[in-house]
Amino acid sequence: MRLARSVLLVGIALFLADPWEAAAETVRFRSATTPPTTLQKRLAEEKGQPIDEPPGFELTGELYRPAGVGPFPAVIWMYGCLGRTFREREKALGDHYASLGYVLLLVDSFGPRGITDRCDQSLGAPVDRVMDAYGALLYLAGLPFVDPERVAIVGRSQGGEAALSAITLGGVETLFERRFRAAIIYYARCDVSMGAASAPTVILIGELDTNTPASACQEMMRRRSGDGAPIRLVVYPDAYHSFDSFRLRGRSEMAFGHRNEYNEAAANAASQEELSALRRAFGR
């Protein structure tokens, strides 16, 4: 009886010490590839030949999950042009999403490909990060503790551009049976020609951002046809690019001719916008 009581007390103490600490794991999965067309499938069937689909590039990611069996909603996180930076920041993110009851997958598009960063726009986009996002979606959908119908994508800057492309109605999303439930986009370059979104989308951007100007997002919103899922644009006054970057707390920097600066008010407001969007999408 004493032993059982001691074990119970230890378990309670551990729970109270850090109730939302997420279980973390480095995982491997493949970037998605373009599926064969209906015509290609029909011709292959007529010839009795299988279709060889090239495997996608093998990626790595950091997977965080809450305690329990699930199935849980999940969030796919797309980094900016610097890729992975601070590991303690990743851990804080994992614990944050776990406290909400969500699985988190941070997608590393650069490391496995031997790329340090891709912030110099003159170098162009080296990889199809949209396909990386869908590879992550398909991977999560196959995990027993993830609800495949409740997966959202969150992207910052260049990662936000990939996320925005991933949910553009009539675009890449038509190639896959799986869909994102929601998208939250931080200070990404908006495509003014984007007509509609396939999932409810929130775009969060600074009024003073010259790297990814808010004006392009405002123009995109003016041109929208009204089709597809709702898009919400929030522009924060006095905020520059990377307004929620803890790396920049207390200082600003110039990068490629643009100012990056932390803005606590904008960061806190954006965090609440994201939380509201995820709760609407996931129902929790």
C-alpha atoms as a PDB file:
ATOM      1  CA  MET A   1       0.000   0.000   0.000  1.00  0.00           C
ATOM      2  CA  ARG A   2       2.856   2.368   0.919  1.00  0.00           C
ATOM      3  CA  LEU A   3       4.655   1.520  -2.354  1.00  0.00           C
ATOM      4  CA  ALA A   4       1.550   2.183  -4.428  1.00  0.00           C
ATOM      5  CA  ARG A   5       0.997   5.486  -2.636  1.00  0.00           C
ATOM      6  CA  SER A   6       4.635   6.507  -3.194  1.00  0.00           C
ATOM      7  CA  VAL A   7       4.429   5.734  -6.892  1.00  0.00           C
ATOM      8  CA  LEU A   8       1.235   7.760  -7.148  1.00  0.00           C
ATOM      9  CA  LEU A   9       2.818  10.754  -5.391  1.00  0.00           C
ATOM     10  CA  VAL A  10       5.891  10.637  -7.635  1.00  0.00           C
ATOM     11  CA  GLY A  11       3.663  10.534 -10.714  1.00  0.00           C
ATOM     12  CA  ILE A  12       1.684  13.531  -9.498  1.00  0.00           C
ATOM     13  CA  ALA A  13       4.881  15.448  -8.729  1.00  0.00           C
ATOM     14  CA  LEU A  14       6.259  14.831 -12.210  1.00  0.00           C
ATOM     15  CA  PHE A  15       3.004  15.923 -13.793  1.00  0.00           C
ATOM     16  CA  LEU A  16       2.908  19.145 -11.788  1.00  0.00           C
ATOM     17  CA  ALA A  17       6.570  19.886 -12.555  1.00  0.00           C
ATOM     18  CA  ASP A  18       5.998  20.237 -16.290  1.00  0.00           C
ATOM     19  CA  PRO A  19       2.496  19.195 -17.329  1.00  0.00           C
ATOM     20  CA  TRP A  20       2.827  20.248 -20.970  1.00  0.00           C
ATOM     21  CA  GLU A  21       6.291  19.005 -21.861  1.00  0.00           C
ATOM     22  CA  ALA A  22       5.966  17.440 -25.312  1.00  0.00           C
ATOM     23  CA  ALA A  23       7.508  14.162 -26.348  1.00  0.00           C
ATOM     24  CA  ALA A  24      10.063  15.000 -29.065  1.00  0.00           C
ATOM     25  CA  GLU A  25      11.423  12.857 -31.882  1.00  0.00           C
ATOM     26  CA  THR A  26      13.481  13.433 -35.034  1.00  0.00           C
ATOM     27  CA  VAL A  27      11.587  11.821 -37.906  1.00  0.00           C
ATOM     28  CA  ARG A  28      12.231  11.152 -41.585  1.00  0.00           C
ATOM     29  CA  PHE A  29       9.743  11.420 -44.414  1.00  0.00           C
ATOM     30  CA  ARG A  30       9.780  12.225 -48.112  1.00  0.00           C
ATOM     31  CA  SER A  31       8.814  15.327 -49.986  1.00  0.00           C
ATOM     32  CA  ALA A  32       5.699  14.758 -52.075  1.00  0.00           C
ATOM     33  CA  THR A  33       5.963  14.216 -55.822  1.00  0.00           C
ATOM     34  CA  THR A  34       3.517  15.015 -58.583  1.00  0.00           C
ATOM     35  CA  PRO A  35       1.102  12.076 -58.903  1.00  0.00           C
ATOM     36  CA  PRO A  36       0.508  10.553 -62.352  1.00  0.00           C
ATOM     37  CA  THR A  37      -2.304  12.133 -64.356  1.00  0.00           C
ATOM     38  CA  THR A  38      -5.531  10.322 -65.204  1.00  0.00           C
ATOM     39  CA  LEU A  39      -4.299   9.939 -68.772  1.00  0.00           C
ATOM     40  CA  GLN A  40      -0.994   8.452 -67.655  1.00  0.00           C
ATOM     41  CA  LYS A  41      -2.817   5.979 -65.435  1.00  0.00           C
ATOM     42  CA  ARG A  42      -5.192   4.946 -68.252  1.00  0.00           C
ATOM     43  CA  LEU A  43      -2.397   4.453 -70.765  1.00  0.00           C
ATOM     44  CA  ALA A  44      -0.417   2.413 -68.264  1.00  0.00           C
ATOM     45  CA  GLU A  45      -3.432   0.218 -67.550  1.00  0.00           C
ATOM     46  CA  GLU A  46      -4.023  -0.337 -71.265  1.00  0.00           C
ATOM     47  CA  LYS A  47      -0.420  -1.433 -71.710  1.00  0.00           C
ATOM     48  CA  GLY A  48      -0.422  -3.464 -68.510  1.00  0.00           C
ATOM     49  CA  GLN A  49       2.587  -1.549 -67.277  1.00  0.00           C
ATOM     50  CA  PRO A  50       3.041  -0.088 -63.792  1.00  0.00           C
ATOM     51  CA  ILE A  51       3.738   3.604 -63.410  1.00  0.00           C
ATOM     52  CA  ASP A  52       7.072   4.339 -61.815  1.00  0.00           C
ATOM     53  CA  GLU A  53       6.691   7.291 -59.486  1.00  0.00           C
ATOM     54  CA  PRO A  54      10.057   8.793 -58.498  1.00  0.00           C
ATOM     55  CA  PRO A  55      10.453   8.988 -54.716  1.00  0.00           C
ATOM     56  CA  GLY A  56      10.575  12.429 -53.177  1.00  0.00           C
ATOM     57  CA  PHE A  57      13.651  13.759 -51.417  1.00  0.00           C
ATOM     58  CA  GLU A  58      14.105  12.403 -47.905  1.00  0.00           C
ATOM     59  CA  LEU A  59      13.576  15.160 -45.351  1.00  0.00           C
ATOM     60  CA  THR A  60      13.896  15.334 -41.601  1.00  0.00           C
ATOM     61  CA  GLY A  61      11.638  17.011 -39.112  1.00  0.00           C
ATOM     62  CA  GLU A  62      11.208  17.521 -35.401  1.00  0.00           C
ATOM     63  CA  LEU A  63       7.983  15.946 -34.187  1.00  0.00           C
ATOM     64  CA  TYR A  64       6.400  16.950 -30.880  1.00  0.00           C
ATOM     65  CA  ARG A  65       3.264  15.334 -29.518  1.00  0.00           C
ATOM     66  CA  PRO A  66       1.102  15.637 -26.410  1.00  0.00           C
ATOM     67  CA  ALA A  67       0.734  12.803 -23.947  1.00  0.00           C
ATOM     68  CA  GLY A  68      -1.995  10.321 -24.758  1.00  0.00           C
ATOM     69  CA  VAL A  69      -3.099   8.206 -27.692  1.00  0.00           C
ATOM     70  CA  GLY A  70      -4.994  10.812 -29.713  1.00  0.00           C
ATOM     71  CA  PRO A  71      -5.892  11.210 -32.454  1.00  0.00           C
ATOM     72  CA  PHE A  72      -4.730  14.820 -32.143  1.00  0.00           C
ATOM     73  CA  PRO A  73      -4.962  17.778 -34.506  1.00  0.00           C
ATOM     74  CA  ALA A  74      -1.570  18.677 -35.958  1.00  0.00           C
ATOM     75  CA  VAL A  75       0.366  21.725 -37.112  1.00  0.00           C
ATOM     76  CA  ILE A  76       3.032  21.720 -39.827  1.00  0.00           C
ATOM     77  CA  TRP A  77       5.618  24.464 -39.290  1.00  0.00           C
ATOM     78  CA  MET A  78       7.508  25.895 -42.280  1.00  0.00           C
ATOM     79  CA  TYR A  79      10.677  27.829 -41.390  1.00  0.00           C
ATOM     80  CA  GLY A  80      11.769  31.088 -42.963  1.00  0.00           C
ATOM     81  CA  CYS A  81      14.819  31.463 -45.198  1.00  0.00           C
ATOM     82  CA  LEU A  82      17.251  30.815 -42.322  1.00  0.00           C
ATOM     83  CA  GLY A  83      15.910  27.310 -41.766  1.00  0.00           C
ATOM     84  CA  ARG A  84      16.466  25.810 -38.341  1.00  0.00           C
ATOM     85  CA  THR A  85      17.979  28.225 -35.844  1.00  0.00           C
ATOM     86  CA  PHE A  86      17.582  27.918 -32.079  1.00  0.00           C
ATOM     87  CA  ARG A  87      16.835  24.469 -30.666  1.00  0.00           C
ATOM     88  CA  GLU A  88      15.463  25.938 -27.441  1.00  0.00           C
ATOM     89  CA  ARG A  89      12.953  27.874 -29.537  1.00  0.00           C
ATOM     90  CA  GLU A  90      11.843  24.630 -31.198  1.00  0.00           C
ATOM     91  CA  LYS A  91      11.381  23.018 -27.793  1.00  0.00           C
ATOM     92  CA  ALA A  92       9.323  25.982 -26.603  1.00  0.00           C
ATOM     93  CA  LEU A  93       7.138  25.702 -29.704  1.00  0.00           C
ATOM     94  CA  GLY A  94       6.687  21.979 -29.182  1.00  0.00           C
ATOM     95  CA  ASP A  95       5.611  22.482 -25.575  1.00  0.00           C
ATOM     96  CA  HIS A  96       3.294  25.324 -26.567  1.00  0.00           C
ATOM     97  CA  TYR A  97       1.403  23.303 -29.172  1.00  0.00           C
ATOM     98  CA  ALA A  98       1.318  20.258 -26.890  1.00  0.00           C
ATOM     99  CA  SER A  99      -0.332  22.406 -24.202  1.00  0.00           C
ATOM    100  CA  LEU A 100      -3.102  23.039 -26.737  1.00  0.00           C
ATOM    101  CA  GLY A 101      -3.403  19.321 -27.486  1.00  0.00           C
ATOM    102  CA  TYR A 102      -1.757  19.574 -30.927  1.00  0.00           C
ATOM    103  CA  VAL A 103       1.021  17.608 -32.603  1.00  0.00           C
ATOM    104  CA  LEU A 104       3.761  19.787 -34.129  1.00  0.00           C
ATOM    105  CA  LEU A 105       6.017  18.881 -37.071  1.00  0.00           C
ATOM    106  CA  LEU A 106       8.830  21.318 -37.872  1.00  0.00           C
ATOM    107  CA  VAL A 107       9.904  20.662 -41.467  1.00  0.00           C
ATOM    108  CA  ASP A 108      13.624  20.984 -42.278  1.00  0.00           C
ATOM    109  CA  SER A 109      13.825  21.629 -46.026  1.00  0.00           C
ATOM    110  CA  PHE A 110      17.440  22.841 -46.070  1.00  0.00           C
ATOM    111  CA  GLY A 111      19.544  20.675 -43.739  1.00  0.00           C
ATOM    112  CA  PRO A 112      19.002  17.324 -45.514  1.00  0.00           C
ATOM    113  CA  ARG A 113      19.824  19.013 -48.827  1.00  0.00           C
ATOM    114  CA  GLY A 114      23.059  20.517 -47.521  1.00  0.00           C
ATOM    115  CA  ILE A 115      21.759  24.093 -47.700  1.00  0.00           C
ATOM    116  CA  THR A 116      22.633  26.560 -44.946  1.00  0.00           C
ATOM    117  CA  ASP A 117      19.982  29.145 -45.775  1.00  0.00           C
ATOM    118  CA  ARG A 118      18.249  30.709 -48.745  1.00  0.00           C
ATOM    119  CA  CYS A 119      17.840  34.352 -47.750  1.00  0.00           C
ATOM    120  CA  ASP A 120      19.629  35.773 -50.784  1.00  0.00           C
ATOM    121  CA  GLN A 121      16.760  36.187 -53.229  1.00  0.00           C
ATOM    122  CA  SER A 122      19.185  36.359 -56.156  1.00  0.00           C
ATOM    123  CA  LEU A 123      19.960  32.675 -55.629  1.00  0.00           C
ATOM    124  CA  GLY A 124      16.355  31.732 -56.328  1.00  0.00           C
ATOM    125  CA  ALA A 125      14.348  28.975 -54.672  1.00  0.00           C
ATOM    126  CA  PRO A 126      16.492  25.819 -54.536  1.00  0.00           C
ATOM    127  CA  VAL A 127      13.756  23.402 -53.573  1.00  0.00           C
ATOM    128  CA  ASP A 128      10.020  22.994 -53.961  1.00  0.00           C
ATOM    129  CA  ARG A 129       8.979  23.689 -50.397  1.00  0.00           C
ATOM    130  CA  VAL A 130       5.324  23.361 -51.358  1.00  0.00           C
ATOM    131  CA  MET A 131       5.955  19.680 -52.091  1.00  0.00           C
ATOM    132  CA  ASP A 132       7.830  19.435 -48.776  1.00  0.00           C
ATOM    133  CA  ALA A 133       4.692  20.710 -47.060  1.00  0.00           C
ATOM    134  CA  TYR A 134       2.516  18.101 -48.753  1.00  0.00           C
ATOM    135  CA  GLY A 135       5.057  15.410 -47.947  1.00  0.00           C
ATOM    136  CA  ALA A 136       4.712  16.415 -44.301  1.00  0.00           C
ATOM    137  CA  LEU A 137       0.910  16.350 -44.578  1.00  0.00           C
ATOM    138  CA  LEU A 138       0.908  12.857 -46.069  1.00  0.00           C
ATOM    139  CA  TYR A 139       3.360  11.669 -43.419  1.00  0.00           C
ATOM    140  CA  LEU A 140       1.264  13.000 -40.538  1.00  0.00           C
ATOM    141  CA  ALA A 141      -1.904  11.560 -42.061  1.00  0.00           C
ATOM    142  CA  GLY A 142      -0.348   8.104 -41.757  1.00  0.00           C
ATOM    143  CA  LEU A 143       0.402   8.369 -38.036  1.00  0.00           C
ATOM    144  CA  PRO A 144      -2.113   6.647 -35.756  1.00  0.00           C
ATOM    145  CA  PHE A 145      -2.106   9.464 -33.181  1.00  0.00           C
ATOM    146  CA  VAL A 146      -2.845  12.234 -35.734  1.00  0.00           C
ATOM    147  CA  ASP A 147      -6.297  13.168 -37.019  1.00  0.00           C
ATOM    148  CA  PRO A 148      -5.665  13.397 -40.797  1.00  0.00           C
ATOM    149  CA  GLU A 149      -8.688  15.657 -41.271  1.00  0.00           C
ATOM    150  CA  ARG A 150      -7.343  18.284 -38.862  1.00  0.00           C
ATOM    151  CA  VAL A 151      -3.889  19.348 -40.030  1.00  0.00           C
ATOM    152  CA  ALA A 152      -3.010  23.040 -40.374  1.00  0.00           C
ATOM    153  CA  ILE A 153       0.058  24.708 -41.862  1.00  0.00           C
ATOM    154  CA  VAL A 154       1.907  27.642 -40.289  1.00  0.00           C
ATOM    155  CA  GLY A 155       4.649  29.431 -42.233  1.00  0.00           C
ATOM    156  CA  ARG A 156       6.914  32.413 -41.683  1.00  0.00           C
ATOM    157  CA  SER A 157       8.347  34.587 -44.449  1.00  0.00           C
ATOM    158  CA  GLN A 158       9.648  32.202 -47.147  1.00  0.00           C
ATOM    159  CA  GLY A 159       7.931  29.341 -45.354  1.00  0.00           C
ATOM    160  CA  GLY A 160       4.746  31.383 -45.386  1.00  0.00           C
ATOM    161  CA  GLU A 161       5.034  31.783 -49.155  1.00  0.00           C
ATOM    162  CA  ALA A 162       5.222  27.997 -49.480  1.00  0.00           C
ATOM    163  CA  ALA A 163       2.202  27.647 -47.214  1.00  0.00           C
ATOM    164  CA  LEU A 164       0.250  30.212 -49.225  1.00  0.00           C
ATOM    165  CA  SER A 165       1.025  28.340 -52.455  1.00  0.00           C
ATOM    166  CA  ALA A 166       0.003  25.071 -50.819  1.00  0.00           C
ATOM    167  CA  ILE A 167      -3.534  26.305 -50.153  1.00  0.00           C
ATOM    168  CA  THR A 168      -4.112  28.304 -53.345  1.00  0.00           C
ATOM    169  CA  LEU A 169      -7.391  27.031 -54.780  1.00  0.00           C
ATOM    170  CA  GLY A 170      -6.933  25.258 -58.104  1.00  0.00           C
ATOM    171  CA  GLY A 171      -3.157  24.997 -57.648  1.00  0.00           C
ATOM    172  CA  VAL A 172      -0.994  22.232 -56.212  1.00  0.00           C
ATOM    173  CA  GLU A 173      -3.784  21.254 -53.815  1.00  0.00           C
ATOM    174  CA  THR A 174      -5.680  19.634 -56.707  1.00  0.00           C
ATOM    175  CA  LEU A 175      -2.960  16.965 -56.988  1.00  0.00           C
ATOM    176  CA  PHE A 176      -3.594  15.463 -53.558  1.00  0.00           C
ATOM    177  CA  GLU A 177      -6.525  13.878 -51.770  1.00  0.00           C
ATOM    178  CA  ARG A 178      -5.392  15.269 -48.432  1.00  0.00           C
ATOM    179  CA  ARG A 179      -6.101  18.911 -47.663  1.00  0.00           C
ATOM    180  CA  PHE A 180      -4.917  21.392 -45.079  1.00  0.00           C
ATOM    181  CA  ARG A 181      -7.609  22.421 -42.619  1.00  0.00           C
ATOM    182  CA  ALA A 182      -6.237  25.948 -42.143  1.00  0.00           C
ATOM    183  CA  ALA A 183      -3.237  28.146 -42.925  1.00  0.00           C
ATOM    184  CA  ILE A 184      -1.614  30.854 -40.812  1.00  0.00           C
ATOM    185  CA  ILE A 185       0.851  32.987 -42.758  1.00  0.00           C
ATOM    186  CA  TYR A 186       3.360  35.328 -41.101  1.00  0.00           C
ATOM    187  CA  TYR A 187       4.923  38.192 -43.127  1.00  0.00           C
ATOM    188  CA  ALA A 188       5.079  36.350 -46.444  1.00  0.00           C
ATOM    189  CA  ARG A 189       5.164  37.809 -49.944  1.00  0.00           C
ATOM    190  CA  CYS A 190       1.599  37.762 -51.236  1.00  0.00           C
ATOM    191  CA  ASP A 191       0.785  36.839 -54.827  1.00  0.00           C
ATOM    192  CA  VAL A 192      -1.619  39.522 -56.033  1.00  0.00           C
ATOM    193  CA  SER A 193      -2.965  37.120 -58.657  1.00  0.00           C
ATOM    194  CA  MET A 194      -4.069  34.565 -56.038  1.00  0.00           C
ATOM    195  CA  GLY A 195      -7.799  34.280 -56.520  1.00  0.00           C
ATOM    196  CA  ALA A 196      -8.948  32.016 -53.713  1.00  0.00           C
ATOM    197  CA  ALA A 197      -7.836  29.707 -50.928  1.00  0.00           C
ATOM    198  CA  SER A 198      -8.704  26.052 -50.413  1.00  0.00           C
ATOM    199  CA  ALA A 199      -8.610  26.413 -46.596  1.00  0.00           C
ATOM    200  CA  PRO A 200      -9.426  29.213 -44.143  1.00  0.00           C
ATOM    201  CA  THR A 201      -6.358  31.451 -44.103  1.00  0.00           C
ATOM    202  CA  VAL A 202      -5.018  34.186 -41.843  1.00  0.00           C
ATOM    203  CA  ILE A 203      -2.216  36.470 -43.092  1.00  0.00           C
ATOM    204  CA  LEU A 204      -0.301  38.455 -40.444  1.00  0.00           C
ATOM    205  CA  ILE A 205       2.049  41.199 -41.642  1.00  0.00           C
ATOM    206  CA  GLY A 206       3.681  44.460 -40.558  1.00  0.00           C
ATOM    207  CA  GLU A 207       2.710  47.830 -42.013  1.00  0.00           C
ATOM    208  CA  LEU A 208       6.383  48.894 -42.257  1.00  0.00           C
ATOM    209  CA  ASP A 209       7.620  45.638 -43.833  1.00  0.00           C
ATOM    210  CA  THR A 210       9.594  46.430 -46.999  1.00  0.00           C
ATOM    211  CA  ASN A 211      10.837  42.859 -47.502  1.00  0.00           C
ATOM    212  CA  THR A 212       7.361  41.410 -47.981  1.00  0.00           C
ATOM    213  CA  PRO A 213       5.174  44.527 -48.326  1.00  0.00           C
ATOM    214  CA  ALA A 214       1.719  44.572 -46.796  1.00  0.00           C
ATOM    215  CA  SER A 215       0.555  46.511 -49.841  1.00  0.00           C
ATOM    216  CA  ALA A 216       0.839  43.375 -51.992  1.00  0.00           C
ATOM    217  CA  CYS A 217      -1.410  41.484 -49.575  1.00  0.00           C
ATOM    218  CA  GLN A 218      -3.884  44.354 -49.529  1.00  0.00           C
ATOM    219  CA  GLU A 219      -3.944  44.386 -53.334  1.00  0.00           C
ATOM    220  CA  MET A 220      -4.462  40.616 -53.351  1.00  0.00           C
ATOM    221  CA  MET A 221      -7.442  41.038 -51.045  1.00  0.00           C
ATOM    222  CA  ARG A 222      -8.932  43.743 -53.278  1.00  0.00           C
ATOM    223  CA  ARG A 223      -8.682  41.463 -56.320  1.00  0.00           C
ATOM    224  CA  ARG A 224     -10.233  38.422 -54.643  1.00  0.00           C
ATOM    225  CA  SER A 225     -13.278  36.980 -56.311  1.00  0.00           C
ATOM    226  CA  GLY A 226     -14.838  35.821 -53.063  1.00  0.00           C
ATOM    227  CA  ASP A 227     -14.643  32.157 -54.056  1.00  0.00           C
ATOM    228  CA  GLY A 228     -13.129  29.483 -51.862  1.00  0.00           C
ATOM    229  CA  ALA A 229     -12.423  29.635 -48.148  1.00  0.00           C
ATOM    230  CA  PRO A 230     -12.265  32.890 -46.169  1.00  0.00           C
ATOM    231  CA  ILE A 231      -8.991  34.844 -46.000  1.00  0.00           C
ATOM    232  CA  ARG A 232      -8.331  37.262 -43.150  1.00  0.00           C
ATOM    233  CA  LEU A 233      -5.574  39.862 -43.508  1.00  0.00           C
ATOM    234  CA  VAL A 234      -4.242  41.600 -40.380  1.00  0.00           C
ATOM    235  CA  VAL A 235      -1.760  44.468 -40.811  1.00  0.00           C
ATOM    236  CA  TYR A 236       0.076  45.591 -37.658  1.00  0.00           C
ATOM    237  CA  PRO A 237       0.994  49.304 -37.490  1.00  0.00           C
ATOM    238  CA  ASP A 238       4.623  50.206 -36.696  1.00  0.00           C
ATOM    239  CA  ALA A 239       5.720  46.591 -37.306  1.00  0.00           C
ATOM    240  CA  TYR A 240       8.578  45.502 -39.559  1.00  0.00           C
ATOM    241  CA  HIS A 241       9.533  42.103 -40.997  1.00  0.00           C
ATOM    242  CA  SER A 242      10.161  39.323 -38.425  1.00  0.00           C
ATOM    243  CA  PHE A 243       8.098  41.210 -35.838  1.00  0.00           C
ATOM    244  CA  ASP A 244       7.746  38.063 -33.686  1.00  0.00           C
ATOM    245  CA  SER A 245      11.390  36.912 -33.842  1.00  0.00           C
ATOM    246  CA  PHE A 246      12.717  36.374 -30.308  1.00  0.00           C
ATOM    247  CA  ARG A 247      16.208  36.440 -31.805  1.00  0.00           C
ATOM    248  CA  LEU A 248      15.696  40.167 -32.376  1.00  0.00           C
ATOM    249  CA  ARG A 249      14.300  41.098 -28.973  1.00  0.00           C
ATOM    250  CA  GLY A 250      15.738  44.434 -27.909  1.00  0.00           C
ATOM    251  CA  ARG A 251      17.360  45.206 -31.249  1.00  0.00           C
ATOM    252  CA  SER A 252      16.825  45.448 -34.974  1.00  0.00           C
ATOM    253  CA  GLU A 253      18.947  44.433 -37.964  1.00  0.00           C
ATOM    254  CA  MET A 254      19.331  45.210 -41.634  1.00  0.00           C
ATOM    255  CA  ALA A 255      19.308  42.213 -43.997  1.00  0.00           C
ATOM    256  CA  PHE A 256      19.548  42.578 -47.777  1.00  0.00           C
ATOM    257  CA  GLY A 257      18.473  46.189 -47.528  1.00  0.00           C
ATOM    258  CA  HIS A 258      15.431  45.514 -45.337  1.00  0.00           C
ATOM    259  CA  ARG A 259      14.840  46.149 -41.657  1.00  0.00           C
ATOM    260  CA  ASN A 260      13.910  43.296 -39.322  1.00  0.00           C
ATOM    261  CA  GLU A 261      12.706  44.153 -35.837  1.00  0.00           C
ATOM    262  CA  TYR A 262      10.865  42.538 -32.948  1.00  0.00           C
ATOM    263  CA  ASN A 263       7.585  44.175 -31.959  1.00  0.00           C
ATOM    264  CA  GLU A 264       6.073  42.822 -28.756  1.00  0.00           C
ATOM    265  CA  ALA A 265       2.601  44.223 -29.313  1.00  0.00           C
ATOM    266  CA  ALA A 266       2.384  42.790 -32.827  1.00  0.00           C
ATOM    267  CA  ALA A 267       3.888  39.469 -31.729  1.00  0.00           C
ATOM    268  CA  ASN A 268       1.355  39.025 -28.929  1.00  0.00           C
ATOM    269  CA  ALA A 269      -1.572  40.048 -31.126  1.00  0.00           C
ATOM    270  CA  ALA A 270      -0.465  37.708 -33.911  1.00  0.00           C
ATOM    271  CA  SER A 271      -0.125  34.826 -31.468  1.00  0.00           C
ATOM    272  CA  GLN A 272      -3.746  35.346 -30.419  1.00  0.00           C
ATOM    273  CA  GLU A 273      -4.850  35.492 -34.066  1.00  0.00           C
ATOM    274  CA  GLU A 274      -3.106  32.188 -34.733  1.00  0.00           C
ATOM    275  CA  LEU A 275      -4.608  30.569 -31.656  1.00  0.00           C
ATOM    276  CA  SER A 276      -8.108  31.687 -32.633  1.00  0.00           C
ATOM    277  CA  ALA A 277      -7.630  30.399 -36.186  1.00  0.00           C
ATOM    278  CA  LEU A 278      -6.438  26.998 -34.991  1.00  0.00           C
ATOM    279  CA  ARG A 279      -9.270  26.637 -32.507  1.00  0.00           C
ATOM    280  CA  ARG A 280     -11.800  27.467 -35.216  1.00  0.00           C
ATOM    281  CA  ALA A 281     -10.213  24.917 -37.528  1.00  0.00           C
ATOM    282  CA  PHE A 282      -9.774  22.155 -34.970  1.00  0.00           C
ATOM    283  CA  GLY A 283     -12.804  22.748 -32.798  1.00  0.00           C
ATOM    284  CA  ARG A 284     -10.653  22.827 -29.637  1.00  0.00           C
END
